[in-house]
Amino acid sequence: MESTHSAHAGRFPWAHIVGYILSLVLTAAAFWLVLAHKAGLATTLVVIVLLGVLQILVQLFFFMHITESDGPAWHTVMLLVGFLFVVAIVGGSIWIMSFGGQVVA
């Protein structure tokens, strides 16, 4: 049997180049949005979060080849569990920080 790596050895890495360009564009868009002050704070935060999610998807599909694996399905399940942990940690942190000094012990 031929391994996946050797099957792709002779091809030009178009997916990597497209992924690299998309990563640069998404990063530049977020950088410009913050520096240009073209939108309000809430809009800027929402757009940056959306650009970050797109950046994660670009990394997963173009560089980590998440759809090209013949491995067990639990890899996808573990990726979803990791995503759940990230959402819980980030969302919980933002929720706790949003109280500021309002809670008195």
PDB file of N, CA and C in Angstrom:
ATOM      1  N   MET A   1       0.832  -1.191   0.000  1.00  0.00           N
ATOM      2  CA  MET A   1       0.000   0.000   0.000  1.00  0.00           C
ATOM      3  C   MET A   1       0.869   1.243   0.000  1.00  0.00           C
ATOM      4  N   GLU A   2       0.406   2.221  -0.676  1.00  0.00           N
ATOM      5  CA  GLU A   2       1.129   3.480  -0.777  1.00  0.00           C
ATOM      6  C   GLU A   2       0.648   4.427   0.319  1.00  0.00           C
ATOM      7  N   SER A   3       1.572   5.054   1.010  1.00  0.00           N
ATOM      8  CA  SER A   3       1.171   5.951   2.096  1.00  0.00           C
ATOM      9  C   SER A   3       0.611   7.251   1.533  1.00  0.00           C
ATOM     10  N   THR A   4      -0.138   7.962   2.360  1.00  0.00           N
ATOM     11  CA  THR A   4      -0.742   9.229   1.943  1.00  0.00           C
ATOM     12  C   THR A   4       0.319  10.255   1.612  1.00  0.00           C
ATOM     13  N   HIS A   5       1.407  10.262   2.381  1.00  0.00           N
ATOM     14  CA  HIS A   5       2.464  11.248   2.154  1.00  0.00           C
ATOM     15  C   HIS A   5       3.133  11.033   0.791  1.00  0.00           C
ATOM     16  N   SER A   6       3.432   9.790   0.456  1.00  0.00           N
ATOM     17  CA  SER A   6       4.091   9.544  -0.818  1.00  0.00           C
ATOM     18  C   SER A   6       3.136   9.742  -1.993  1.00  0.00           C
ATOM     19  N   ALA A   7       1.838   9.608  -1.786  1.00  0.00           N
ATOM     20  CA  ALA A   7       0.867   9.827  -2.861  1.00  0.00           C
ATOM     21  C   ALA A   7       0.807  11.295  -3.254  1.00  0.00           C
ATOM     22  N   HIS A   8       1.083  12.194  -2.294  1.00  0.00           N
ATOM     23  CA  HIS A   8       1.031  13.623  -2.560  1.00  0.00           C
ATOM     24  C   HIS A   8       2.415  14.218  -2.825  1.00  0.00           C
ATOM     25  N   ALA A   9       3.436  13.398  -2.889  1.00  0.00           N
ATOM     26  CA  ALA A   9       4.810  13.897  -2.977  1.00  0.00           C
ATOM     27  C   ALA A   9       5.090  14.608  -4.293  1.00  0.00           C
ATOM     28  N   GLY A  10       4.482  14.200  -5.381  1.00  0.00           N
ATOM     29  CA  GLY A  10       4.795  14.788  -6.671  1.00  0.00           C
ATOM     30  C   GLY A  10       3.955  15.999  -7.044  1.00  0.00           C
ATOM     31  N   ARG A  11       2.956  16.309  -6.254  1.00  0.00           N
ATOM     32  CA  ARG A  11       2.058  17.412  -6.589  1.00  0.00           C
ATOM     33  C   ARG A  11       2.562  18.727  -6.021  1.00  0.00           C
ATOM     34  N   PHE A  12       2.217  19.822  -6.711  1.00  0.00           N
ATOM     35  CA  PHE A  12       2.540  21.148  -6.201  1.00  0.00           C
ATOM     36  C   PHE A  12       1.568  21.483  -5.076  1.00  0.00           C
ATOM     37  N   PRO A  13       2.040  22.062  -3.986  1.00  0.00           N
ATOM     38  CA  PRO A  13       1.186  22.266  -2.806  1.00  0.00           C
ATOM     39  C   PRO A  13       0.257  23.483  -2.921  1.00  0.00           C
ATOM     40  N   TRP A  14      -0.686  23.413  -3.852  1.00  0.00           N
ATOM     41  CA  TRP A  14      -1.600  24.531  -4.051  1.00  0.00           C
ATOM     42  C   TRP A  14      -2.424  24.826  -2.803  1.00  0.00           C
ATOM     43  N   ALA A  15      -2.839  23.802  -2.101  1.00  0.00           N
ATOM     44  CA  ALA A  15      -3.657  24.013  -0.900  1.00  0.00           C
ATOM     45  C   ALA A  15      -2.883  24.803   0.146  1.00  0.00           C
ATOM     46  N   HIS A  16      -1.601  24.529   0.281  1.00  0.00           N
ATOM     47  CA  HIS A  16      -0.796  25.268   1.247  1.00  0.00           C
ATOM     48  C   HIS A  16      -0.644  26.735   0.841  1.00  0.00           C
ATOM     49  N   ILE A  17      -0.482  26.983  -0.428  1.00  0.00           N
ATOM     50  CA  ILE A  17      -0.333  28.359  -0.897  1.00  0.00           C
ATOM     51  C   ILE A  17      -1.635  29.129  -0.723  1.00  0.00           C
ATOM     52  N   VAL A  18      -2.750  28.516  -1.080  1.00  0.00           N
ATOM     53  CA  VAL A  18      -4.051  29.165  -0.901  1.00  0.00           C
ATOM     54  C   VAL A  18      -4.316  29.420   0.586  1.00  0.00           C
ATOM     55  N   GLY A  19      -4.018  28.439   1.422  1.00  0.00           N
ATOM     56  CA  GLY A  19      -4.199  28.604   2.859  1.00  0.00           C
ATOM     57  C   GLY A  19      -3.317  29.710   3.419  1.00  0.00           C
ATOM     58  N   TYR A  20      -2.084  29.792   2.945  1.00  0.00           N
ATOM     59  CA  TYR A  20      -1.167  30.839   3.397  1.00  0.00           C
ATOM     60  C   TYR A  20      -1.686  32.224   3.008  1.00  0.00           C
ATOM     61  N   ILE A  21      -2.151  32.358   1.774  1.00  0.00           N
ATOM     62  CA  ILE A  21      -2.678  33.649   1.312  1.00  0.00           C
ATOM     63  C   ILE A  21      -3.938  34.020   2.092  1.00  0.00           C
ATOM     64  N   LEU A  22      -4.827  33.051   2.314  1.00  0.00           N
ATOM     65  CA  LEU A  22      -6.023  33.327   3.116  1.00  0.00           C
ATOM     66  C   LEU A  22      -5.660  33.740   4.545  1.00  0.00           C
ATOM     67  N   SER A  23      -4.659  33.094   5.132  1.00  0.00           N
ATOM     68  CA  SER A  23      -4.216  33.460   6.472  1.00  0.00           C
ATOM     69  C   SER A  23      -3.691  34.893   6.499  1.00  0.00           C
ATOM     70  N   LEU A  24      -2.911  35.252   5.502  1.00  0.00           N
ATOM     71  CA  LEU A  24      -2.391  36.623   5.424  1.00  0.00           C
ATOM     72  C   LEU A  24      -3.514  37.643   5.267  1.00  0.00           C
ATOM     73  N   VAL A  25      -4.490  37.335   4.413  1.00  0.00           N
ATOM     74  CA  VAL A  25      -5.602  38.258   4.173  1.00  0.00           C
ATOM     75  C   VAL A  25      -6.440  38.428   5.445  1.00  0.00           C
ATOM     76  N   LEU A  26      -6.738  37.332   6.127  1.00  0.00           N
ATOM     77  CA  LEU A  26      -7.536  37.417   7.353  1.00  0.00           C
ATOM     78  C   LEU A  26      -6.796  38.185   8.444  1.00  0.00           C
ATOM     79  N   THR A  27      -5.504  37.955   8.572  1.00  0.00           N
ATOM     80  CA  THR A  27      -4.711  38.676   9.568  1.00  0.00           C
ATOM     81  C   THR A  27      -4.635  40.155   9.228  1.00  0.00           C
ATOM     82  N   ALA A  28      -4.398  40.471   7.957  1.00  0.00           N
ATOM     83  CA  ALA A  28      -4.322  41.875   7.531  1.00  0.00           C
ATOM     84  C   ALA A  28      -5.668  42.582   7.718  1.00  0.00           C
ATOM     85  N   ALA A  29      -6.762  41.879   7.464  1.00  0.00           N
ATOM     86  CA  ALA A  29      -8.091  42.477   7.632  1.00  0.00           C
ATOM     87  C   ALA A  29      -8.342  42.832   9.097  1.00  0.00           C
ATOM     88  N   ALA A  30      -7.996  41.930  10.005  1.00  0.00           N
ATOM     89  CA  ALA A  30      -8.178  42.208  11.431  1.00  0.00           C
ATOM     90  C   ALA A  30      -7.271  43.352  11.874  1.00  0.00           C
ATOM     91  N   PHE A  31      -6.040  43.347  11.414  1.00  0.00           N
ATOM     92  CA  PHE A  31      -5.083  44.396  11.764  1.00  0.00           C
ATOM     93  C   PHE A  31      -5.567  45.751  11.264  1.00  0.00           C
ATOM     94  N   TRP A  32      -6.030  45.806  10.006  1.00  0.00           N
ATOM     95  CA  TRP A  32      -6.514  47.066   9.439  1.00  0.00           C
ATOM     96  C   TRP A  32      -7.760  47.556  10.183  1.00  0.00           C
ATOM     97  N   LEU A  33      -8.654  46.643  10.510  1.00  0.00           N
ATOM     98  CA  LEU A  33      -9.892  47.014  11.196  1.00  0.00           C
ATOM     99  C   LEU A  33      -9.596  47.687  12.531  1.00  0.00           C
ATOM    100  N   VAL A  34      -8.632  47.164  13.256  1.00  0.00           N
ATOM    101  CA  VAL A  34      -8.288  47.745  14.552  1.00  0.00           C
ATOM    102  C   VAL A  34      -7.585  49.088  14.374  1.00  0.00           C
ATOM    103  N   LEU A  35      -6.665  49.174  13.444  1.00  0.00           N
ATOM    104  CA  LEU A  35      -5.902  50.412  13.274  1.00  0.00           C
ATOM    105  C   LEU A  35      -6.702  51.536  12.628  1.00  0.00           C
ATOM    106  N   ALA A  36      -7.672  51.196  11.788  1.00  0.00           N
ATOM    107  CA  ALA A  36      -8.405  52.227  11.046  1.00  0.00           C
ATOM    108  C   ALA A  36      -9.514  52.875  11.865  1.00  0.00           C
ATOM    109  N   HIS A  37      -9.965  52.230  12.921  1.00  0.00           N
ATOM    110  CA  HIS A  37     -11.066  52.752  13.751  1.00  0.00           C
ATOM    111  C   HIS A  37     -12.284  53.102  12.904  1.00  0.00           C
ATOM    112  N   LYS A  38     -12.636  52.225  11.964  1.00  0.00           N
ATOM    113  CA  LYS A  38     -13.758  52.467  11.062  1.00  0.00           C
ATOM    114  C   LYS A  38     -15.094  52.021  11.648  1.00  0.00           C
ATOM    115  N   ALA A  39     -15.064  51.246  12.713  1.00  0.00           N
ATOM    116  CA  ALA A  39     -16.301  50.728  13.292  1.00  0.00           C
ATOM    117  C   ALA A  39     -16.260  50.933  14.806  1.00  0.00           C
ATOM    118  N   GLY A  40     -17.412  50.772  15.420  1.00  0.00           N
ATOM    119  CA  GLY A  40     -17.494  50.883  16.871  1.00  0.00           C
ATOM    120  C   GLY A  40     -16.834  49.698  17.557  1.00  0.00           C
ATOM    121  N   LEU A  41     -16.722  49.787  18.867  1.00  0.00           N
ATOM    122  CA  LEU A  41     -16.038  48.746  19.633  1.00  0.00           C
ATOM    123  C   LEU A  41     -16.736  47.394  19.500  1.00  0.00           C
ATOM    124  N   ALA A  42     -18.040  47.369  19.656  1.00  0.00           N
ATOM    125  CA  ALA A  42     -18.775  46.098  19.586  1.00  0.00           C
ATOM    126  C   ALA A  42     -18.656  45.469  18.201  1.00  0.00           C
ATOM    127  N   THR A  43     -18.796  46.277  17.173  1.00  0.00           N
ATOM    128  CA  THR A  43     -18.686  45.767  15.805  1.00  0.00           C
ATOM    129  C   THR A  43     -17.284  45.246  15.536  1.00  0.00           C
ATOM    130  N   THR A  44     -16.291  45.981  15.994  1.00  0.00           N
ATOM    131  CA  THR A  44     -14.902  45.559  15.801  1.00  0.00           C
ATOM    132  C   THR A  44     -14.644  44.222  16.496  1.00  0.00           C
ATOM    133  N   LEU A  45     -15.135  44.073  17.719  1.00  0.00           N
ATOM    134  CA  LEU A  45     -14.931  42.815  18.432  1.00  0.00           C
ATOM    135  C   LEU A  45     -15.618  41.644  17.741  1.00  0.00           C
ATOM    136  N   VAL A  46     -16.836  41.854  17.275  1.00  0.00           N
ATOM    137  CA  VAL A  46     -17.565  40.781  16.590  1.00  0.00           C
ATOM    138  C   VAL A  46     -16.842  40.384  15.306  1.00  0.00           C
ATOM    139  N   VAL A  47     -16.392  41.367  14.535  1.00  0.00           N
ATOM    140  CA  VAL A  47     -15.701  41.069  13.278  1.00  0.00           C
ATOM    141  C   VAL A  47     -14.381  40.364  13.549  1.00  0.00           C
ATOM    142  N   ILE A  48     -13.656  40.781  14.573  1.00  0.00           N
ATOM    143  CA  ILE A  48     -12.381  40.127  14.885  1.00  0.00           C
ATOM    144  C   ILE A  48     -12.606  38.686  15.325  1.00  0.00           C
ATOM    145  N   VAL A  49     -13.643  38.434  16.103  1.00  0.00           N
ATOM    146  CA  VAL A  49     -13.947  37.057  16.503  1.00  0.00           C
ATOM    147  C   VAL A  49     -14.300  36.221  15.269  1.00  0.00           C
ATOM    148  N   LEU A  50     -15.099  36.770  14.374  1.00  0.00           N
ATOM    149  CA  LEU A  50     -15.442  36.042  13.142  1.00  0.00           C
ATOM    150  C   LEU A  50     -14.209  35.774  12.287  1.00  0.00           C
ATOM    151  N   LEU A  51     -13.325  36.765  12.177  1.00  0.00           N
ATOM    152  CA  LEU A  51     -12.089  36.560  11.420  1.00  0.00           C
ATOM    153  C   LEU A  51     -11.209  35.507  12.095  1.00  0.00           C
ATOM    154  N   GLY A  52     -11.218  35.478  13.427  1.00  0.00           N
ATOM    155  CA  GLY A  52     -10.463  34.459  14.153  1.00  0.00           C
ATOM    156  C   GLY A  52     -11.011  33.061  13.911  1.00  0.00           C
ATOM    157  N   VAL A  53     -12.324  32.927  13.887  1.00  0.00           N
ATOM    158  CA  VAL A  53     -12.943  31.625  13.610  1.00  0.00           C
ATOM    159  C   VAL A  53     -12.605  31.183  12.186  1.00  0.00           C
ATOM    160  N   LEU A  54     -12.659  32.108  11.238  1.00  0.00           N
ATOM    161  CA  LEU A  54     -12.266  31.776   9.863  1.00  0.00           C
ATOM    162  C   LEU A  54     -10.805  31.361   9.795  1.00  0.00           C
ATOM    163  N   GLN A  55      -9.966  32.031  10.567  1.00  0.00           N
ATOM    164  CA  GLN A  55      -8.541  31.686  10.611  1.00  0.00           C
ATOM    165  C   GLN A  55      -8.342  30.262  11.140  1.00  0.00           C
ATOM    166  N   ILE A  56      -9.101  29.893  12.165  1.00  0.00           N
ATOM    167  CA  ILE A  56      -9.019  28.528  12.702  1.00  0.00           C
ATOM    168  C   ILE A  56      -9.429  27.512  11.637  1.00  0.00           C
ATOM    169  N   LEU A  57     -10.513  27.805  10.923  1.00  0.00           N
ATOM    170  CA  LEU A  57     -10.967  26.888   9.876  1.00  0.00           C
ATOM    171  C   LEU A  57      -9.946  26.759   8.751  1.00  0.00           C
ATOM    172  N   VAL A  58      -9.325  27.872   8.366  1.00  0.00           N
ATOM    173  CA  VAL A  58      -8.276  27.828   7.337  1.00  0.00           C
ATOM    174  C   VAL A  58      -7.131  26.941   7.819  1.00  0.00           C
ATOM    175  N   GLN A  59      -6.712  27.117   9.062  1.00  0.00           N
ATOM    176  CA  GLN A  59      -5.613  26.303   9.599  1.00  0.00           C
ATOM    177  C   GLN A  59      -5.987  24.818   9.608  1.00  0.00           C
ATOM    178  N   LEU A  60      -7.208  24.508  10.036  1.00  0.00           N
ATOM    179  CA  LEU A  60      -7.623  23.110  10.111  1.00  0.00           C
ATOM    180  C   LEU A  60      -7.717  22.446   8.744  1.00  0.00           C
ATOM    181  N   PHE A  61      -8.298  23.119   7.792  1.00  0.00           N
ATOM    182  CA  PHE A  61      -8.549  22.488   6.503  1.00  0.00           C
ATOM    183  C   PHE A  61      -7.373  22.578   5.532  1.00  0.00           C
ATOM    184  N   PHE A  62      -6.600  23.659   5.569  1.00  0.00           N
ATOM    185  CA  PHE A  62      -5.525  23.807   4.598  1.00  0.00           C
ATOM    186  C   PHE A  62      -4.182  23.290   5.109  1.00  0.00           C
ATOM    187  N   PHE A  63      -3.945  23.350   6.415  1.00  0.00           N
ATOM    188  CA  PHE A  63      -2.641  22.957   6.929  1.00  0.00           C
ATOM    189  C   PHE A  63      -2.668  21.675   7.752  1.00  0.00           C
ATOM    190  N   MET A  64      -3.721  21.459   8.502  1.00  0.00           N
ATOM    191  CA  MET A  64      -3.790  20.255   9.334  1.00  0.00           C
ATOM    192  C   MET A  64      -4.517  19.118   8.614  1.00  0.00           C
ATOM    193  N   HIS A  65      -5.055  19.382   7.439  1.00  0.00           N
ATOM    194  CA  HIS A  65      -5.668  18.374   6.563  1.00  0.00           C
ATOM    195  C   HIS A  65      -6.694  17.526   7.299  1.00  0.00           C
ATOM    196  N   ILE A  66      -7.593  18.189   7.965  1.00  0.00           N
ATOM    197  CA  ILE A  66      -8.563  17.480   8.804  1.00  0.00           C
ATOM    198  C   ILE A  66      -9.481  16.568   7.986  1.00  0.00           C
ATOM    199  N   THR A  67      -9.717  16.888   6.731  1.00  0.00           N
ATOM    200  CA  THR A  67     -10.628  16.068   5.919  1.00  0.00           C
ATOM    201  C   THR A  67      -9.903  14.981   5.135  1.00  0.00           C
ATOM    202  N   GLU A  68      -8.575  14.952   5.187  1.00  0.00           N
ATOM    203  CA  GLU A  68      -7.825  13.991   4.377  1.00  0.00           C
ATOM    204  C   GLU A  68      -7.416  12.746   5.138  1.00  0.00           C
ATOM    205  N   SER A  69      -7.859  12.593   6.368  1.00  0.00           N
ATOM    206  CA  SER A  69      -7.422  11.481   7.195  1.00  0.00           C
ATOM    207  C   SER A  69      -8.313  10.265   7.005  1.00  0.00           C
ATOM    208  N   ASP A  70      -7.684   9.097   6.980  1.00  0.00           N
ATOM    209  CA  ASP A  70      -8.422   7.840   6.959  1.00  0.00           C
ATOM    210  C   ASP A  70      -8.468   7.232   8.353  1.00  0.00           C
ATOM    211  N   GLY A  71      -8.068   8.001   9.333  1.00  0.00           N
ATOM    212  CA  GLY A  71      -7.996   7.519  10.713  1.00  0.00           C
ATOM    213  C   GLY A  71      -9.368   7.355  11.324  1.00  0.00           C
ATOM    214  N   PRO A  72      -9.367   6.982  12.597  1.00  0.00           N
ATOM    215  CA  PRO A  72     -10.638   6.743  13.288  1.00  0.00           C
ATOM    216  C   PRO A  72     -11.454   8.021  13.444  1.00  0.00           C
ATOM    217  N   ALA A  73     -12.757   7.831  13.570  1.00  0.00           N
ATOM    218  CA  ALA A  73     -13.680   8.977  13.670  1.00  0.00           C
ATOM    219  C   ALA A  73     -13.532   9.709  14.995  1.00  0.00           C
ATOM    220  N   TRP A  74     -12.896   9.107  15.999  1.00  0.00           N
ATOM    221  CA  TRP A  74     -12.776   9.773  17.289  1.00  0.00           C
ATOM    222  C   TRP A  74     -11.864  10.986  17.218  1.00  0.00           C
ATOM    223  N   HIS A  75     -11.044  11.109  16.172  1.00  0.00           N
ATOM    224  CA  HIS A  75     -10.240  12.318  16.002  1.00  0.00           C
ATOM    225  C   HIS A  75     -11.156  13.528  15.857  1.00  0.00           C
ATOM    226  N   THR A  76     -12.201  13.374  15.077  1.00  0.00           N
ATOM    227  CA  THR A  76     -13.163  14.465  14.902  1.00  0.00           C
ATOM    228  C   THR A  76     -13.913  14.743  16.198  1.00  0.00           C
ATOM    229  N   VAL A  77     -14.265  13.701  16.912  1.00  0.00           N
ATOM    230  CA  VAL A  77     -14.958  13.877  18.192  1.00  0.00           C
ATOM    231  C   VAL A  77     -14.057  14.627  19.175  1.00  0.00           C
ATOM    232  N   MET A  78     -12.792  14.268  19.231  1.00  0.00           N
ATOM    233  CA  MET A  78     -11.862  14.947  20.140  1.00  0.00           C
ATOM    234  C   MET A  78     -11.657  16.408  19.736  1.00  0.00           C
ATOM    235  N   LEU A  79     -11.687  16.688  18.444  1.00  0.00           N
ATOM    236  CA  LEU A  79     -11.598  18.068  17.974  1.00  0.00           C
ATOM    237  C   LEU A  79     -12.812  18.862  18.442  1.00  0.00           C
ATOM    238  N   LEU A  80     -13.985  18.266  18.373  1.00  0.00           N
ATOM    239  CA  LEU A  80     -15.196  18.930  18.846  1.00  0.00           C
ATOM    240  C   LEU A  80     -15.180  19.132  20.361  1.00  0.00           C
ATOM    241  N   VAL A  81     -14.652  18.172  21.108  1.00  0.00           N
ATOM    242  CA  VAL A  81     -14.531  18.325  22.560  1.00  0.00           C
ATOM    243  C   VAL A  81     -13.563  19.458  22.879  1.00  0.00           C
ATOM    244  N   GLY A  82     -12.450  19.520  22.161  1.00  0.00           N
ATOM    245  CA  GLY A  82     -11.504  20.618  22.344  1.00  0.00           C
ATOM    246  C   GLY A  82     -12.141  21.962  22.044  1.00  0.00           C
ATOM    247  N   PHE A  83     -12.949  22.020  20.991  1.00  0.00           N
ATOM    248  CA  PHE A  83     -13.659  23.250  20.650  1.00  0.00           C
ATOM    249  C   PHE A  83     -14.627  23.633  21.765  1.00  0.00           C
ATOM    250  N   LEU A  84     -15.316  22.651  22.329  1.00  0.00           N
ATOM    251  CA  LEU A  84     -16.230  22.909  23.439  1.00  0.00           C
ATOM    252  C   LEU A  84     -15.472  23.476  24.637  1.00  0.00           C
ATOM    253  N   PHE A  85     -14.307  22.921  24.947  1.00  0.00           N
ATOM    254  CA  PHE A  85     -13.491  23.432  26.050  1.00  0.00           C
ATOM    255  C   PHE A  85     -13.067  24.875  25.804  1.00  0.00           C
ATOM    256  N   VAL A  86     -12.645  25.170  24.586  1.00  0.00           N
ATOM    257  CA  VAL A  86     -12.217  26.536  24.265  1.00  0.00           C
ATOM    258  C   VAL A  86     -13.378  27.505  24.423  1.00  0.00           C
ATOM    259  N   VAL A  87     -14.544  27.146  23.901  1.00  0.00           N
ATOM    260  CA  VAL A  87     -15.717  28.013  24.023  1.00  0.00           C
ATOM    261  C   VAL A  87     -16.089  28.207  25.490  1.00  0.00           C
ATOM    262  N   ALA A  88     -16.028  27.142  26.284  1.00  0.00           N
ATOM    263  CA  ALA A  88     -16.377  27.240  27.701  1.00  0.00           C
ATOM    264  C   ALA A  88     -15.381  28.118  28.451  1.00  0.00           C
ATOM    265  N   ILE A  89     -14.102  27.963  28.182  1.00  0.00           N
ATOM    266  CA  ILE A  89     -13.092  28.748  28.892  1.00  0.00           C
ATOM    267  C   ILE A  89     -13.150  30.214  28.489  1.00  0.00           C
ATOM    268  N   VAL A  90     -13.189  30.465  27.187  1.00  0.00           N
ATOM    269  CA  VAL A  90     -13.227  31.859  26.725  1.00  0.00           C
ATOM    270  C   VAL A  90     -14.547  32.516  27.101  1.00  0.00           C
ATOM    271  N   GLY A  91     -15.658  31.830  26.857  1.00  0.00           N
ATOM    272  CA  GLY A  91     -16.967  32.388  27.205  1.00  0.00           C
ATOM    273  C   GLY A  91     -17.113  32.602  28.701  1.00  0.00           C
ATOM    274  N   GLY A  92     -16.665  31.640  29.495  1.00  0.00           N
ATOM    275  CA  GLY A  92     -16.720  31.799  30.944  1.00  0.00           C
ATOM    276  C   GLY A  92     -15.844  32.935  31.439  1.00  0.00           C
ATOM    277  N   SER A  93     -14.671  33.078  30.841  1.00  0.00           N
ATOM    278  CA  SER A  93     -13.778  34.176  31.233  1.00  0.00           C
ATOM    279  C   SER A  93     -14.389  35.534  30.906  1.00  0.00           C
ATOM    280  N   ILE A  94     -14.972  35.654  29.724  1.00  0.00           N
ATOM    281  CA  ILE A  94     -15.615  36.917  29.345  1.00  0.00           C
ATOM    282  C   ILE A  94     -16.814  37.188  30.252  1.00  0.00           C
ATOM    283  N   TRP A  95     -17.578  36.156  30.572  1.00  0.00           N
ATOM    284  CA  TRP A  95     -18.735  36.322  31.443  1.00  0.00           C
ATOM    285  C   TRP A  95     -18.302  36.798  32.827  1.00  0.00           C
ATOM    286  N   ILE A  96     -17.258  36.188  33.386  1.00  0.00           N
ATOM    287  CA  ILE A  96     -16.780  36.583  34.710  1.00  0.00           C
ATOM    288  C   ILE A  96     -16.215  37.995  34.683  1.00  0.00           C
ATOM    289  N   MET A  97     -15.450  38.324  33.652  1.00  0.00           N
ATOM    290  CA  MET A  97     -14.849  39.659  33.566  1.00  0.00           C
ATOM    291  C   MET A  97     -15.897  40.755  33.334  1.00  0.00           C
ATOM    292  N   SER A  98     -17.046  40.391  32.778  1.00  0.00           N
ATOM    293  CA  SER A  98     -18.055  41.389  32.490  1.00  0.00           C
ATOM    294  C   SER A  98     -18.710  41.939  33.754  1.00  0.00           C
ATOM    295  N   PHE A  99     -18.593  41.209  34.878  1.00  0.00           N
ATOM    296  CA  PHE A  99     -19.157  41.696  36.125  1.00  0.00           C
ATOM    297  C   PHE A  99     -18.361  42.868  36.687  1.00  0.00           C
ATOM    298  N   GLY A 100     -17.088  42.949  36.360  1.00  0.00           N
ATOM    299  CA  GLY A 100     -16.258  44.028  36.882  1.00  0.00           C
ATOM    300  C   GLY A 100     -16.214  43.999  38.395  1.00  0.00           C
ATOM    301  N   GLY A 101     -16.582  45.113  39.015  1.00  0.00           N
ATOM    302  CA  GLY A 101     -16.583  45.202  40.471  1.00  0.00           C
ATOM    303  C   GLY A 101     -17.979  45.141  41.054  1.00  0.00           C
ATOM    304  N   GLN A 102     -18.941  44.593  40.318  1.00  0.00           N
ATOM    305  CA  GLN A 102     -20.335  44.608  40.748  1.00  0.00           C
ATOM    306  C   GLN A 102     -20.636  43.601  41.848  1.00  0.00           C
ATOM    307  N   VAL A 103     -19.889  42.503  41.928  1.00  0.00           N
ATOM    308  CA  VAL A 103     -20.170  41.469  42.908  1.00  0.00           C
ATOM    309  C   VAL A 103     -19.379  41.770  44.176  1.00  0.00           C
ATOM    310  N   VAL A 104     -20.096  41.841  45.288  1.00  0.00           N
ATOM    311  CA  VAL A 104     -19.462  42.105  46.577  1.00  0.00           C
ATOM    312  C   VAL A 104     -19.562  40.855  47.431  1.00  0.00           C
ATOM    313  N   ALA A 105     -18.427  40.424  47.952  1.00  0.00           N
ATOM    314  CA  ALA A 105     -18.418  39.188  48.756  1.00  0.00           C
ATOM    315  C   ALA A 105     -18.806  39.444  50.180  1.00  0.00           C
TER     316      ALA A 105
END
